[in-house]
Amino acid sequence: MELDKLVEIWQTEAVGDLTDEEYKVRLTIEDAARLEALAELFPRRTREQLISELMSVVLHEIVGRFHYVKGSKVITHDEDGIPEFEDVGYTPRYLKLVRKHTERLAQAKNQAS
């Protein structure tokens, strides 16, 4: 999901499985005011829904902001035969950790059911 699509979703319903984990956050006054403004603009969304959906969009997009760091291992060659090297930056590590925690959280949810 992209940030520019979020307003469209706020006008309908968001979907997705929720974890049993809860996260407590404290906002700056400026961010709290922005959240309150969104809550007034979209009264069908709770503050918790807005925070959750904003976090979802940002977390989805963050991987695209990580810089590629060229490793020494060739992983493939492009159509011109030019080698492409593995990424040793944050992206592969982040994606691996996301898979690890997805499995852990899904298992915890299944055990609680």
N, C-alpha and C. Protein backbone atom coordinates (compact mmCIF):
# COMPACT_ATOMS: atom_id res chain seq x y z
N MET A 1 0.84 -1.16 0.00
CA MET A 1 0.00 0.00 0.00
C MET A 1 0.89 1.23 0.00
N GLU A 2 0.49 2.27 -0.71
CA GLU A 2 1.26 3.50 -0.77
C GLU A 2 0.56 4.59 0.01
N LEU A 3 1.33 5.55 0.47
CA LEU A 3 0.80 6.63 1.28
C LEU A 3 -0.32 7.39 0.57
N ASP A 4 -0.18 7.59 -0.73
CA ASP A 4 -1.21 8.35 -1.43
C ASP A 4 -2.53 7.60 -1.56
N LYS A 5 -2.54 6.31 -1.29
CA LYS A 5 -3.76 5.51 -1.33
C LYS A 5 -4.46 5.45 0.03
N LEU A 6 -3.78 5.91 1.06
CA LEU A 6 -4.30 5.76 2.42
C LEU A 6 -5.62 6.49 2.62
N VAL A 7 -5.75 7.68 2.11
CA VAL A 7 -6.99 8.44 2.28
C VAL A 7 -8.16 7.68 1.67
N GLU A 8 -7.95 7.05 0.51
CA GLU A 8 -9.01 6.25 -0.10
C GLU A 8 -9.43 5.11 0.82
N ILE A 9 -8.48 4.49 1.47
CA ILE A 9 -8.77 3.38 2.37
C ILE A 9 -9.52 3.89 3.60
N TRP A 10 -9.15 5.07 4.09
CA TRP A 10 -9.83 5.62 5.26
C TRP A 10 -11.30 5.88 4.99
N GLN A 11 -11.64 6.05 3.71
CA GLN A 11 -13.04 6.28 3.37
C GLN A 11 -13.81 4.98 3.27
N THR A 12 -13.10 3.86 3.30
CA THR A 12 -13.74 2.55 3.30
C THR A 12 -13.29 1.81 4.55
N GLU A 13 -13.00 0.56 4.44
CA GLU A 13 -12.53 -0.21 5.60
C GLU A 13 -11.18 -0.83 5.32
N ALA A 14 -10.30 -0.81 6.29
CA ALA A 14 -9.01 -1.47 6.18
C ALA A 14 -9.18 -2.95 6.53
N VAL A 15 -8.34 -3.78 5.95
CA VAL A 15 -8.41 -5.22 6.21
C VAL A 15 -7.04 -5.71 6.66
N GLY A 16 -7.00 -6.90 7.20
CA GLY A 16 -5.75 -7.52 7.60
C GLY A 16 -5.87 -8.14 8.98
N ASP A 17 -5.13 -9.22 9.18
CA ASP A 17 -5.11 -9.88 10.47
C ASP A 17 -4.37 -9.01 11.48
N LEU A 18 -4.92 -8.96 12.68
CA LEU A 18 -4.27 -8.19 13.74
C LEU A 18 -3.54 -9.13 14.69
N THR A 19 -2.41 -8.68 15.17
CA THR A 19 -1.65 -9.43 16.16
C THR A 19 -2.27 -9.20 17.54
N ASP A 20 -1.98 -10.08 18.46
CA ASP A 20 -2.43 -9.88 19.84
C ASP A 20 -1.53 -8.89 20.57
N GLU A 21 -0.37 -8.59 19.98
CA GLU A 21 0.56 -7.63 20.58
C GLU A 21 -0.04 -6.23 20.53
N GLU A 22 0.20 -5.46 21.57
CA GLU A 22 -0.18 -4.05 21.58
C GLU A 22 1.08 -3.23 21.79
N TYR A 23 1.12 -2.06 21.16
CA TYR A 23 2.28 -1.19 21.26
C TYR A 23 1.83 0.16 21.79
N LYS A 24 2.46 0.62 22.83
CA LYS A 24 2.12 1.90 23.43
C LYS A 24 3.13 2.93 22.93
N VAL A 25 2.62 4.06 22.44
CA VAL A 25 3.51 5.12 21.94
C VAL A 25 3.11 6.46 22.55
N ARG A 26 4.08 7.34 22.66
CA ARG A 26 3.82 8.72 23.06
C ARG A 26 4.19 9.59 21.88
N LEU A 27 3.31 10.52 21.57
CA LEU A 27 3.51 11.39 20.42
C LEU A 27 3.97 12.78 20.86
N THR A 28 4.68 13.44 19.98
CA THR A 28 4.98 14.85 20.23
C THR A 28 3.66 15.63 20.15
N ILE A 29 3.66 16.82 20.67
CA ILE A 29 2.45 17.65 20.59
C ILE A 29 2.05 17.88 19.14
N GLU A 30 3.05 18.13 18.29
CA GLU A 30 2.76 18.38 16.87
C GLU A 30 2.13 17.15 16.21
N ASP A 31 2.70 15.96 16.48
CA ASP A 31 2.15 14.74 15.89
C ASP A 31 0.77 14.42 16.45
N ALA A 32 0.59 14.67 17.75
CA ALA A 32 -0.73 14.44 18.36
C ALA A 32 -1.77 15.36 17.72
N ALA A 33 -1.39 16.61 17.47
CA ALA A 33 -2.31 17.55 16.82
C ALA A 33 -2.65 17.09 15.40
N ARG A 34 -1.66 16.57 14.69
CA ARG A 34 -1.92 16.05 13.34
C ARG A 34 -2.87 14.85 13.39
N LEU A 35 -2.66 13.99 14.37
CA LEU A 35 -3.53 12.83 14.54
C LEU A 35 -4.96 13.28 14.86
N GLU A 36 -5.10 14.24 15.75
CA GLU A 36 -6.42 14.75 16.10
C GLU A 36 -7.10 15.37 14.89
N ALA A 37 -6.33 16.07 14.06
CA ALA A 37 -6.90 16.66 12.84
C ALA A 37 -7.41 15.57 11.90
N LEU A 38 -6.62 14.51 11.74
CA LEU A 38 -7.07 13.39 10.89
C LEU A 38 -8.32 12.73 11.47
N ALA A 39 -8.36 12.60 12.79
CA ALA A 39 -9.53 11.99 13.44
C ALA A 39 -10.78 12.84 13.20
N GLU A 40 -10.64 14.16 13.16
CA GLU A 40 -11.79 15.02 12.85
C GLU A 40 -12.17 14.93 11.38
N LEU A 41 -11.17 14.84 10.51
CA LEU A 41 -11.46 14.74 9.08
C LEU A 41 -12.12 13.42 8.71
N PHE A 42 -11.73 12.35 9.40
CA PHE A 42 -12.22 11.00 9.11
C PHE A 42 -12.84 10.40 10.38
N PRO A 43 -14.03 10.89 10.77
CA PRO A 43 -14.61 10.49 12.05
C PRO A 43 -15.00 9.01 12.13
N ARG A 44 -15.01 8.31 11.03
CA ARG A 44 -15.32 6.87 11.07
C ARG A 44 -14.11 6.03 11.45
N ARG A 45 -12.94 6.66 11.54
CA ARG A 45 -11.71 5.96 11.92
C ARG A 45 -11.36 6.34 13.35
N THR A 46 -11.05 5.36 14.15
CA THR A 46 -10.58 5.66 15.51
C THR A 46 -9.13 6.14 15.42
N ARG A 47 -8.66 6.74 16.47
CA ARG A 47 -7.26 7.17 16.52
C ARG A 47 -6.34 5.96 16.39
N GLU A 48 -6.73 4.87 17.02
CA GLU A 48 -5.93 3.65 16.94
C GLU A 48 -5.87 3.12 15.51
N GLN A 49 -6.99 3.18 14.80
CA GLN A 49 -6.99 2.74 13.40
C GLN A 49 -6.09 3.63 12.56
N LEU A 50 -6.18 4.94 12.77
CA LEU A 50 -5.34 5.87 12.01
C LEU A 50 -3.87 5.59 12.27
N ILE A 51 -3.50 5.43 13.54
CA ILE A 51 -2.09 5.14 13.88
C ILE A 51 -1.66 3.83 13.23
N SER A 52 -2.48 2.81 13.34
CA SER A 52 -2.15 1.51 12.78
C SER A 52 -1.96 1.58 11.27
N GLU A 53 -2.87 2.27 10.60
CA GLU A 53 -2.79 2.35 9.14
C GLU A 53 -1.62 3.21 8.68
N LEU A 54 -1.35 4.28 9.39
CA LEU A 54 -0.17 5.10 9.07
C LEU A 54 1.11 4.29 9.25
N MET A 55 1.20 3.55 10.34
CA MET A 55 2.38 2.72 10.59
C MET A 55 2.53 1.66 9.49
N SER A 56 1.42 1.07 9.10
CA SER A 56 1.45 0.04 8.06
C SER A 56 2.04 0.58 6.76
N VAL A 57 1.59 1.76 6.37
CA VAL A 57 2.08 2.37 5.13
C VAL A 57 3.56 2.70 5.24
N VAL A 58 3.96 3.31 6.34
CA VAL A 58 5.36 3.71 6.51
C VAL A 58 6.27 2.48 6.57
N LEU A 59 5.84 1.45 7.30
CA LEU A 59 6.66 0.24 7.39
C LEU A 59 6.76 -0.48 6.05
N HIS A 60 5.70 -0.39 5.26
CA HIS A 60 5.73 -1.00 3.92
C HIS A 60 6.71 -0.25 3.02
N GLU A 61 6.74 1.05 3.14
CA GLU A 61 7.56 1.87 2.26
C GLU A 61 9.01 2.00 2.71
N ILE A 62 9.31 1.70 3.95
CA ILE A 62 10.66 1.96 4.47
C ILE A 62 11.73 1.16 3.74
N VAL A 63 11.39 -0.06 3.34
CA VAL A 63 12.39 -0.90 2.67
C VAL A 63 12.86 -0.24 1.37
N GLY A 64 12.00 0.50 0.74
CA GLY A 64 12.38 1.20 -0.49
C GLY A 64 13.32 2.37 -0.24
N ARG A 65 13.43 2.78 0.99
CA ARG A 65 14.31 3.90 1.34
C ARG A 65 15.71 3.45 1.74
N PHE A 66 15.87 2.15 1.98
CA PHE A 66 17.20 1.64 2.31
C PHE A 66 18.09 1.70 1.07
N HIS A 67 19.31 2.12 1.26
CA HIS A 67 20.26 2.22 0.15
C HIS A 67 20.83 0.84 -0.19
N TYR A 68 21.00 0.61 -1.47
CA TYR A 68 21.67 -0.61 -1.95
C TYR A 68 23.15 -0.50 -1.59
N VAL A 69 23.67 -1.57 -1.00
CA VAL A 69 25.09 -1.64 -0.68
C VAL A 69 25.64 -2.85 -1.43
N LYS A 70 26.50 -2.57 -2.38
CA LYS A 70 27.05 -3.62 -3.24
C LYS A 70 27.97 -4.56 -2.48
N GLY A 71 27.63 -5.84 -2.52
CA GLY A 71 28.47 -6.85 -1.92
C GLY A 71 29.48 -7.38 -2.93
N SER A 72 30.22 -8.40 -2.54
CA SER A 72 31.24 -8.96 -3.43
C SER A 72 30.73 -10.17 -4.20
N LYS A 73 29.60 -10.74 -3.79
CA LYS A 73 29.06 -11.95 -4.40
C LYS A 73 28.15 -11.61 -5.58
N VAL A 74 28.45 -12.22 -6.74
CA VAL A 74 27.61 -12.05 -7.92
C VAL A 74 26.40 -12.98 -7.75
N ILE A 75 25.18 -12.42 -7.86
CA ILE A 75 23.98 -13.24 -7.68
C ILE A 75 23.30 -13.56 -9.00
N THR A 76 23.56 -12.78 -10.03
CA THR A 76 22.99 -13.02 -11.36
C THR A 76 23.70 -12.14 -12.37
N HIS A 77 23.33 -12.31 -13.62
CA HIS A 77 23.82 -11.44 -14.69
C HIS A 77 22.60 -10.87 -15.41
N ASP A 78 22.69 -9.61 -15.81
CA ASP A 78 21.56 -9.03 -16.53
C ASP A 78 21.56 -9.51 -17.98
N GLU A 79 20.62 -9.02 -18.77
CA GLU A 79 20.47 -9.50 -20.15
C GLU A 79 21.69 -9.21 -21.02
N ASP A 80 22.55 -8.28 -20.61
CA ASP A 80 23.76 -7.96 -21.34
C ASP A 80 24.98 -8.69 -20.79
N GLY A 81 24.74 -9.56 -19.81
CA GLY A 81 25.83 -10.31 -19.22
C GLY A 81 26.60 -9.58 -18.14
N ILE A 82 26.12 -8.44 -17.76
CA ILE A 82 26.78 -7.65 -16.72
C ILE A 82 26.41 -8.24 -15.36
N PRO A 83 27.40 -8.50 -14.52
CA PRO A 83 27.09 -9.10 -13.21
C PRO A 83 26.32 -8.15 -12.30
N GLU A 84 25.42 -8.75 -11.54
CA GLU A 84 24.69 -8.00 -10.51
C GLU A 84 25.10 -8.59 -9.17
N PHE A 85 25.44 -7.71 -8.26
CA PHE A 85 25.98 -8.13 -6.98
C PHE A 85 24.91 -8.11 -5.88
N GLU A 86 25.12 -8.97 -4.89
CA GLU A 86 24.18 -9.03 -3.77
C GLU A 86 24.15 -7.71 -3.04
N ASP A 87 23.03 -7.45 -2.40
CA ASP A 87 22.87 -6.27 -1.56
C ASP A 87 23.24 -6.69 -0.15
N VAL A 88 24.24 -6.04 0.44
CA VAL A 88 24.65 -6.35 1.80
C VAL A 88 24.23 -5.23 2.78
N GLY A 89 23.32 -4.39 2.32
CA GLY A 89 22.83 -3.31 3.17
C GLY A 89 21.69 -3.77 4.06
N TYR A 90 20.86 -2.84 4.45
CA TYR A 90 19.76 -3.13 5.37
C TYR A 90 18.64 -3.96 4.74
N THR A 91 18.40 -3.81 3.44
CA THR A 91 17.25 -4.46 2.82
C THR A 91 17.18 -5.97 3.05
N PRO A 92 18.20 -6.74 2.71
CA PRO A 92 18.06 -8.19 2.91
C PRO A 92 17.95 -8.58 4.38
N ARG A 93 18.66 -7.87 5.24
CA ARG A 93 18.58 -8.18 6.67
C ARG A 93 17.19 -7.84 7.22
N TYR A 94 16.67 -6.69 6.80
CA TYR A 94 15.33 -6.27 7.22
C TYR A 94 14.28 -7.29 6.78
N LEU A 95 14.33 -7.71 5.52
CA LEU A 95 13.35 -8.66 5.01
C LEU A 95 13.44 -10.01 5.72
N LYS A 96 14.66 -10.44 6.04
CA LYS A 96 14.84 -11.69 6.78
C LYS A 96 14.23 -11.58 8.18
N LEU A 97 14.46 -10.45 8.83
CA LEU A 97 13.91 -10.24 10.17
C LEU A 97 12.38 -10.12 10.13
N VAL A 98 11.85 -9.51 9.09
CA VAL A 98 10.39 -9.43 8.95
C VAL A 98 9.80 -10.83 8.84
N ARG A 99 10.41 -11.70 8.04
CA ARG A 99 9.92 -13.09 7.92
C ARG A 99 9.99 -13.80 9.26
N LYS A 100 11.09 -13.63 9.98
CA LYS A 100 11.26 -14.27 11.28
C LYS A 100 10.15 -13.84 12.25
N HIS A 101 9.90 -12.56 12.33
CA HIS A 101 8.91 -12.06 13.27
C HIS A 101 7.48 -12.34 12.80
N THR A 102 7.26 -12.40 11.51
CA THR A 102 5.95 -12.78 10.99
C THR A 102 5.61 -14.19 11.43
N GLU A 103 6.57 -15.09 11.29
CA GLU A 103 6.36 -16.48 11.71
C GLU A 103 6.10 -16.55 13.21
N ARG A 104 6.89 -15.84 14.00
CA ARG A 104 6.74 -15.85 15.46
C ARG A 104 5.37 -15.32 15.88
N LEU A 105 4.97 -14.20 15.30
CA LEU A 105 3.69 -13.60 15.67
C LEU A 105 2.51 -14.46 15.21
N ALA A 106 2.64 -15.09 14.05
CA ALA A 106 1.58 -15.97 13.55
C ALA A 106 1.45 -17.20 14.45
N GLN A 107 2.59 -17.75 14.87
CA GLN A 107 2.55 -18.91 15.76
C GLN A 107 1.91 -18.56 17.10
N ALA A 108 2.25 -17.39 17.62
CA ALA A 108 1.67 -16.94 18.89
C ALA A 108 0.17 -16.76 18.76
N LYS A 109 -0.28 -16.23 17.64
CA LYS A 109 -1.70 -16.04 17.40
C LYS A 109 -2.42 -17.38 17.30
N ASN A 110 -1.80 -18.35 16.59
CA ASN A 110 -2.40 -19.67 16.45
C ASN A 110 -2.48 -20.39 17.79
N GLN A 111 -1.46 -20.24 18.61
CA GLN A 111 -1.45 -20.89 19.92
C GLN A 111 -2.50 -20.29 20.86
N ALA A 112 -2.78 -19.00 20.67
CA ALA A 112 -3.77 -18.32 21.52
C ALA A 112 -5.19 -18.69 21.11
N SER A 113 -5.34 -19.15 19.88
CA SER A 113 -6.70 -19.49 19.38
C SER A 113 -7.20 -20.80 19.89
